[in-house]
Protein backbone atom coordinates (compact mmCIF):
# COMPACT_ATOMS: atom_id res chain seq x y z
CA MET A 1 3.22 -18.27 22.68
CA PRO A 2 0.30 -16.64 20.83
CA PHE A 3 0.65 -13.25 19.17
CA PRO A 4 -0.26 -10.66 20.36
CA ASN A 5 1.00 -11.77 23.75
CA PHE A 6 -1.89 -10.36 25.79
CA PRO A 7 -4.95 -12.67 25.88
CA ASN A 8 -8.14 -11.33 24.29
CA LYS A 9 -6.41 -8.11 23.29
CA HIS A 10 -8.86 -7.50 20.46
CA ARG A 11 -11.73 -7.09 22.93
CA GLU A 12 -9.96 -4.29 24.78
CA GLU A 13 -10.15 -0.55 24.22
CA ALA A 14 -7.00 1.18 22.95
CA PHE A 15 -5.19 3.49 25.36
CA ILE A 16 -4.17 6.07 22.72
CA THR A 17 -6.54 6.76 19.85
CA PRO A 18 -5.66 8.24 16.44
CA GLU A 19 -8.05 11.11 17.23
CA ALA A 20 -6.16 11.97 20.41
CA SER A 21 -2.82 11.75 18.64
CA VAL A 22 -3.93 14.04 15.82
CA ALA A 23 -5.40 16.52 18.32
CA HIS A 24 -2.08 16.66 20.17
CA PHE A 25 0.47 16.61 17.36
CA VAL A 26 -1.27 18.44 14.50
CA THR A 27 -0.69 22.14 15.04
CA ASP A 28 -1.05 23.46 11.49
CA ASP A 29 -3.89 23.59 8.99
CA PRO A 30 -3.73 21.72 5.67
CA PRO A 31 -3.15 23.98 2.62
CA LEU A 32 -6.35 22.65 1.02
CA PRO A 33 -9.45 20.73 2.10
CA PHE A 34 -8.65 17.08 2.63
CA PRO A 35 -8.93 14.94 -0.50
CA ASP A 36 -11.48 12.21 -1.11
CA ALA A 37 -8.80 9.58 -1.67
CA VAL A 38 -5.07 9.05 -1.06
CA VAL A 39 -2.44 7.03 -2.92
CA PHE A 40 0.44 5.74 -0.77
CA CYS A 41 3.80 5.86 -2.54
CA TYR A 42 6.97 4.36 -1.03
CA GLN A 43 9.64 4.75 -3.72
CA SER A 44 11.40 8.13 -3.70
CA SER A 45 11.99 7.90 -7.45
CA LEU A 46 8.27 7.66 -8.15
CA LEU A 47 7.43 10.50 -5.79
CA ALA A 48 10.06 12.67 -7.49
CA HIS A 49 8.57 11.81 -10.90
CA ILE A 50 5.07 12.77 -9.73
CA LEU A 51 6.22 16.08 -8.28
CA GLU A 52 8.25 16.92 -11.40
CA GLN A 53 5.76 15.84 -14.06
CA HIS A 54 2.41 16.67 -12.46
CA GLU A 55 0.95 19.81 -10.92
CA THR A 56 0.67 19.37 -7.18
CA ALA A 57 -0.08 21.46 -4.13
CA GLY A 58 1.37 20.96 -0.68
CA VAL A 59 3.78 22.23 1.91
CA GLU A 60 7.48 21.56 2.41
CA ARG A 61 7.29 21.48 6.20
CA GLY A 62 4.78 20.73 8.90
CA THR A 63 2.35 17.98 9.70
CA TYR A 64 1.10 17.55 6.13
CA ARG A 65 4.45 17.64 4.34
CA HIS A 66 3.97 14.06 3.15
CA LEU A 67 0.68 14.87 1.41
CA HIS A 68 0.61 16.23 -2.15
CA TRP A 69 -2.72 17.27 -3.65
CA LEU A 70 -2.99 16.38 -7.37
CA GLN A 71 -4.36 19.30 -9.34
CA GLU A 72 -5.21 17.06 -12.33
CA THR A 73 -7.88 15.54 -10.06
CA GLU A 74 -9.08 18.97 -8.91
CA ASN A 75 -7.35 18.14 -5.61
CA ARG A 76 -9.78 15.31 -4.89
CA VAL A 77 -6.91 12.80 -4.84
CA ALA A 78 -3.57 13.21 -3.07
CA VAL A 79 -0.33 11.25 -2.99
CA ALA A 80 1.31 10.51 0.36
CA GLY A 81 5.03 9.75 0.20
CA GLY A 82 8.34 10.30 1.88
CA PHE A 83 7.26 8.84 5.23
CA GLY A 84 9.31 5.64 4.97
CA VAL A 85 8.58 2.03 4.09
CA GLY A 86 7.02 -0.91 5.89
CA ALA A 87 3.79 -1.59 7.72
CA PRO A 88 4.29 0.48 10.92
CA ALA A 89 5.29 3.62 9.01
CA VAL A 90 2.39 3.64 6.55
CA VAL A 91 -0.21 2.62 9.14
CA LEU A 92 0.63 5.67 11.27
CA VAL A 93 -0.08 7.87 8.24
CA LEU A 94 -3.19 5.90 7.31
CA GLU A 95 -4.69 6.22 10.78
CA ALA A 96 -4.15 9.99 10.81
CA LEU A 97 -5.80 10.38 7.41
CA ILE A 98 -8.80 8.27 8.40
CA VAL A 99 -9.32 10.67 11.33
CA GLN A 100 -9.62 13.46 8.75
CA GLY A 101 -12.52 11.71 7.04
CA ILE A 102 -10.75 10.09 4.09
CA ARG A 103 -12.30 6.76 3.20
CA ARG A 104 -10.60 5.54 0.00
CA PHE A 105 -6.95 4.51 -0.25
CA LEU A 106 -4.61 2.82 -2.69
CA SER A 107 -1.10 1.52 -2.05
CA ILE A 108 1.28 1.40 -5.02
CA GLY A 109 4.83 0.09 -4.93
CA THR A 110 7.34 -2.59 -5.77
CA ALA A 111 7.32 -6.26 -4.89
CA GLY A 112 9.52 -9.31 -5.29
CA SER A 113 8.30 -12.07 -7.58
CA LEU A 114 7.87 -15.57 -6.20
CA GLN A 115 6.74 -17.08 -9.50
CA ARG A 116 8.91 -17.60 -12.56
CA ASP A 117 6.28 -16.29 -14.97
CA LEU A 118 6.21 -12.91 -13.20
CA THR A 119 9.01 -10.76 -14.58
CA ILE A 120 10.42 -7.30 -13.91
CA GLY A 121 7.86 -4.56 -14.55
CA ASP A 122 4.84 -6.88 -14.51
CA ILE A 123 1.74 -5.58 -12.74
CA VAL A 124 0.00 -7.38 -9.88
CA VAL A 125 -3.27 -6.47 -8.20
CA CYS A 126 -2.94 -7.78 -4.64
CA ASP A 127 -6.37 -8.85 -3.43
CA CYS A 128 -5.15 -10.89 -0.46
CA ALA A 129 -2.05 -10.84 1.75
CA ILE A 130 -0.43 -13.31 4.12
CA ARG A 131 -0.06 -11.71 7.55
CA ASP A 132 3.60 -12.37 8.30
CA GLU A 133 4.21 -8.92 9.78
CA GLY A 134 3.38 -7.65 13.24
CA THR A 135 1.05 -4.70 12.80
CA SER A 136 -2.05 -6.47 11.48
CA HIS A 137 -2.18 -8.81 14.47
CA HIS A 138 -2.88 -5.91 16.82
CA TYR A 139 -5.97 -4.97 14.79
CA LEU A 140 -7.55 -8.30 13.85
CA PRO A 141 -7.67 -11.73 15.54
CA PRO A 142 -5.30 -14.40 14.21
CA LYS A 143 -5.93 -15.51 10.63
CA LYS A 144 -3.54 -16.31 7.82
CA TYR A 145 -4.85 -13.72 5.37
CA ALA A 146 -5.99 -10.10 5.22
CA HIS A 147 -8.08 -9.04 2.25
CA ALA A 148 -8.23 -5.92 0.11
CA SER A 149 -11.54 -4.10 -0.28
CA PRO A 150 -13.43 -5.94 -3.04
CA ALA A 151 -14.80 -2.70 -4.51
CA MET A 152 -11.35 -1.11 -4.72
CA THR A 153 -9.85 -4.25 -6.24
CA ALA A 154 -12.63 -4.27 -8.84
CA ARG A 155 -11.89 -0.64 -9.74
CA LEU A 156 -8.21 -1.42 -10.19
CA VAL A 157 -8.96 -4.37 -12.47
CA GLU A 158 -11.44 -2.26 -14.44
CA ALA A 159 -8.85 0.50 -14.91
CA LEU A 160 -6.22 -2.02 -16.06
CA HIS A 161 -8.63 -3.58 -18.55
CA ALA A 162 -9.60 -0.15 -19.87
CA ALA A 163 -5.92 0.66 -20.45
CA ASP A 164 -5.34 -2.77 -22.03
CA LEU A 165 -2.58 -3.50 -19.52
CA PRO A 166 -1.70 -7.15 -18.80
CA HIS A 167 -1.82 -7.95 -15.11
CA ASN A 168 -2.18 -10.68 -12.51
CA VAL A 169 -4.53 -10.75 -9.52
CA GLY A 170 -3.56 -12.73 -6.46
CA THR A 171 -1.94 -13.12 -3.06
CA SER A 172 1.17 -11.46 -1.66
CA TRP A 173 3.32 -12.48 1.30
CA THR A 174 3.71 -9.48 3.60
CA ILE A 175 6.75 -9.59 5.85
CA ASP A 176 8.40 -6.70 7.68
CA ALA A 177 11.78 -8.41 8.11
CA PRO A 178 13.17 -8.49 4.55
CA TYR A 179 16.55 -9.79 5.67
CA ARG A 180 14.86 -12.85 7.16
CA GLU A 181 13.02 -14.08 4.07
CA THR A 182 14.23 -17.68 3.78
CA ILE A 183 14.55 -20.09 0.89
CA ALA A 184 12.26 -22.53 2.68
CA GLU A 185 9.54 -19.89 2.97
CA VAL A 186 9.85 -18.89 -0.67
CA GLN A 187 9.54 -22.51 -1.77
CA HIS A 188 6.53 -22.98 0.48
CA TYR A 189 4.68 -19.93 -0.81
CA GLN A 190 5.61 -20.72 -4.40
CA GLU A 191 3.87 -24.05 -4.02
CA GLU A 192 0.82 -22.27 -2.59
CA GLY A 193 0.68 -20.03 -5.67
CA VAL A 194 1.56 -16.82 -3.83
CA LEU A 195 2.63 -14.24 -6.41
CA THR A 196 4.77 -11.69 -4.59
CA VAL A 197 6.47 -10.58 -1.40
CA GLU A 198 6.34 -7.02 0.00
CA MET A 199 6.13 -5.14 3.30
CA GLU A 200 2.80 -3.34 3.66
CA ALA A 201 -0.30 -4.94 2.13
CA ALA A 202 -1.48 -7.20 4.97
CA ALA A 203 -1.28 -4.43 7.55
CA LEU A 204 -3.05 -1.93 5.31
CA PHE A 205 -5.84 -4.40 4.57
CA ALA A 206 -6.25 -5.20 8.27
CA VAL A 207 -6.41 -1.58 9.40
CA ALA A 208 -8.81 -0.70 6.58
CA SER A 209 -11.08 -3.56 7.58
CA TYR A 210 -10.93 -2.58 11.25
CA ARG A 211 -11.67 1.09 10.52
CA GLY A 212 -14.28 0.48 7.82
CA VAL A 213 -12.50 2.17 4.89
CA GLU A 214 -11.53 1.01 1.42
CA MET A 215 -7.99 -0.13 0.61
CA GLY A 216 -6.47 -1.56 -2.54
CA SER A 217 -2.92 -2.57 -3.49
CA LEU A 218 -1.19 -2.38 -6.86
CA LEU A 219 2.35 -3.70 -7.33
CA THR A 220 5.04 -3.85 -9.97
CA ILE A 221 7.79 -6.46 -9.94
CA SER A 222 11.21 -4.99 -9.05
CA ASP A 223 13.14 -8.12 -8.08
CA SER A 224 12.78 -11.87 -8.19
CA LEU A 225 13.22 -14.68 -5.69
CA ALA A 226 11.59 -17.24 -7.96
CA ASP A 227 14.84 -19.09 -8.78
CA LEU A 228 15.76 -19.17 -5.08
CA LYS A 229 18.34 -16.44 -5.45
CA TRP A 230 17.86 -12.69 -5.25
CA ASP A 231 17.77 -10.94 -8.62
CA PRO A 232 17.24 -7.19 -7.96
CA HIS A 233 16.25 -4.64 -10.61
CA PHE A 234 15.05 -1.75 -8.45
CA ARG A 235 16.96 0.84 -10.49
CA SER A 236 16.06 -0.46 -13.93
CA ASP A 237 14.09 1.52 -16.49
CA THR A 238 11.56 -1.31 -16.58
CA THR A 239 10.85 -1.00 -12.85
CA ARG A 240 10.64 2.78 -13.11
CA THR A 241 8.18 2.54 -16.00
CA GLY A 242 6.17 -0.01 -14.05
CA LEU A 243 5.86 2.34 -11.09
CA GLU A 244 4.80 5.24 -13.30
CA THR A 245 2.16 3.01 -14.86
CA LEU A 246 0.85 2.10 -11.40
CA TYR A 247 0.39 5.78 -10.66
CA GLN A 248 -1.66 6.36 -13.80
CA VAL A 249 -3.82 3.31 -13.11
CA ALA A 250 -4.38 4.43 -9.52
CA LEU A 251 -5.65 7.82 -10.68
CA LYS A 252 -8.06 6.16 -13.10
CA ALA A 253 -9.34 3.84 -10.39
CA LEU A 254 -9.95 6.75 -8.03
CA GLN A 255 -11.77 9.04 -10.46
CA PRO A 256 -15.08 10.25 -8.98
CA GLU A 257 -17.18 8.61 -11.68
CA THR A 258 -15.84 5.18 -10.66
CA ALA A 259 -16.33 5.73 -6.95
């Protein structure tokens, strides 16, 4: 059976639009004008670090409680966090922000390594993602890959070079069923040269392509499947430092002069 199940779905008009949803559910005004760009953050530890170590503006409750304007960017960049993990959760937020006119996005978070030469804390720029989740297939016709915005990927690589930070650029396997990642799949994608596994990139790339906005993805290694057993280091200092580095690189990549 093909997926999505309904034939020629991609030719059909959506029943509920993001614009209609925002008009119905958003009942409060944002505390500031909407930013030019947004960084998606999934790890609560990183969000806590940002809120503790950087001047931000936002609200504790209401529609925009997940959005934190970064005063070091003169509020032109915001961080969105605390909305959950996985493709469906972040795409709901992404769609609502696109309605508000935001056109540049970065996703930063952790990923599992599929290659033995990628170790905990290493940095990966994901420029391509295998669509093994469900969300992307409702936006784009069937294809194996979804791609990051070339311009955003180039800005990330430029920012990493400027900071003299070692990094890899390559493909990630996006799957939204982490408890069903199998040894056979890991071996298969290892042989293909896929670098990482995570839960959001393919869907974000697909939605960005469909809506005509820019999306990039920056990852740090938090666990490894490369030896065909799970070796987690989510709580390690190395992973924490890697996430904080991603944040700094994201801000550099989104500075107005590089836009």
